[in-house]
Structures are given as structure tokens and as C-alpha cells.
Protein backbone atom coordinates (compact mmCIF):
# COMPACT_ATOMS: atom_id res chain seq x y z
CA MET A 1 0.03 -0.07 -0.05
CA ILE A 2 2.98 2.28 0.61
CA TRP A 3 4.45 1.97 -2.78
CA ILE A 4 1.23 3.25 -4.34
CA PHE A 5 1.69 6.30 -2.33
CA ASP A 6 5.16 6.68 -3.42
CA ILE A 7 4.34 6.35 -6.87
CA ILE A 8 1.48 8.82 -6.71
CA ILE A 9 3.98 11.51 -5.33
CA LEU A 10 6.41 10.62 -7.82
CA VAL A 11 4.01 11.11 -10.63
CA PHE A 12 3.11 14.56 -9.06
CA LEU A 13 6.58 15.49 -8.67
CA VAL A 14 7.34 15.05 -12.42
CA VAL A 15 4.09 16.91 -13.25
CA THR A 16 5.14 19.88 -11.05
CA ALA A 17 8.66 19.85 -12.48
CA LEU A 18 7.42 19.98 -16.04
CA ILE A 19 4.75 22.63 -15.34
CA SER A 20 7.50 24.76 -13.50
CA LEU A 21 9.65 24.62 -16.69
CA GLN A 22 6.76 25.40 -18.97
CA VAL A 23 5.18 28.22 -17.23
CA LYS A 24 6.10 31.81 -18.20
CA ASP A 25 4.92 33.72 -15.14
CA LEU A 26 7.60 34.02 -12.61
CA LEU A 27 5.26 34.17 -9.69
CA SER A 28 3.41 30.89 -10.85
CA ALA A 29 6.75 29.36 -10.95
CA ALA A 30 7.80 30.36 -7.50
CA MET A 31 4.71 29.11 -6.25
CA ILE A 32 4.87 25.66 -8.12
CA PHE A 33 8.50 25.23 -6.75
CA GLY A 34 6.97 25.60 -3.18
CA VAL A 35 4.65 22.64 -4.17
CA TYR A 36 7.43 20.82 -5.53
CA SER A 37 9.36 21.25 -2.24
CA PHE A 38 6.32 20.20 -0.33
CA LEU A 39 6.09 17.04 -2.38
CA MET A 40 9.67 16.34 -1.79
CA CYS A 41 8.90 16.59 1.94
CA LEU A 42 6.13 14.13 1.74
CA LEU A 43 8.55 11.75 -0.04
CA TRP A 44 11.40 12.05 2.34
CA SER A 45 8.91 11.48 5.17
CA GLY A 46 7.48 8.38 3.49
CA MET A 47 11.07 7.03 3.12
CA GLY A 48 11.40 7.24 6.83
CA ALA A 49 14.03 10.24 6.62
CA VAL A 50 11.91 12.49 8.98
CA ASP A 51 14.95 14.73 9.56
CA VAL A 52 15.57 15.46 5.96
CA ALA A 53 11.89 16.09 5.31
CA PHE A 54 11.68 18.61 8.27
CA THR A 55 14.42 20.64 6.69
CA GLU A 56 13.06 20.15 3.27
CA ALA A 57 9.61 21.57 4.76
CA ALA A 58 11.45 24.63 6.72
CA VAL A 59 13.98 25.66 3.97
CA GLY A 60 12.55 24.52 0.78
CA ALA A 61 8.75 24.79 1.05
CA GLY A 62 8.82 27.40 3.60
CA VAL A 63 11.88 30.07 3.53
CA SER A 64 12.84 29.75 -0.28
CA ALA A 65 9.26 29.85 -1.55
CA VAL A 66 8.61 32.90 0.42
CA PHE A 67 11.73 34.51 -0.58
CA LEU A 68 11.14 33.74 -4.19
CA ILE A 69 7.54 34.88 -4.24
CA SER A 70 8.44 38.20 -2.22
CA THR A 71 11.19 38.94 -4.78
CA VAL A 72 8.82 38.56 -7.58
CA LEU A 73 6.26 40.74 -6.03
CA ARG A 74 8.75 43.55 -5.44
CA THR A 75 10.11 43.53 -8.99
CA LYS A 76 8.33 45.77 -11.52
CA ARG A 77 6.86 44.27 -14.57
CA ARG A 78 8.08 46.93 -16.83
CA SER A 79 11.43 48.82 -16.95
CA SER A 80 11.23 52.65 -16.54
CA ASP A 81 13.50 53.18 -19.40
């Protein structure tokens, strides 16, 4: 039963990776990156590596995603030139 859970997460990981490569909007790409990191956290915890999963959740899905989204929101869409 657990291997079905792993396969579902791996399929979602591949789908989010492909979507993040294809999307043109930077804000959407940053949010998809956060989803990807959260899915990696689920995969690590499913494999029993709870310390790695906790670090991935805190750094990957938490801090990095927030920094990327805040950076995208603080930049201008058009240049003033």
C-alpha cells in the first residue's frame, strides 16, 4: 500500500517539475516550486528520513518559496527606461 503512495507522489513531482519549466509567469513558477518542495517533503517522510523531510519543509517549501515570491512581487513588470 505504501508503494502506491510513493508512485503517486513521484508522478506529482514529475508533473510539477514539467509545469514549472513550461510556465512563463515568475510568480506561478515560484509557487509551483513551493509545491514541488512540499511534495519532496512528503516523499522524504514516506521513506523514513524525517530529519531530511523537516529540513525540506522548513527551508525548501517555507523560506525559499517565501523569498522567491516576495522577490517577484517587489520587482516591476516593466522597466522605466
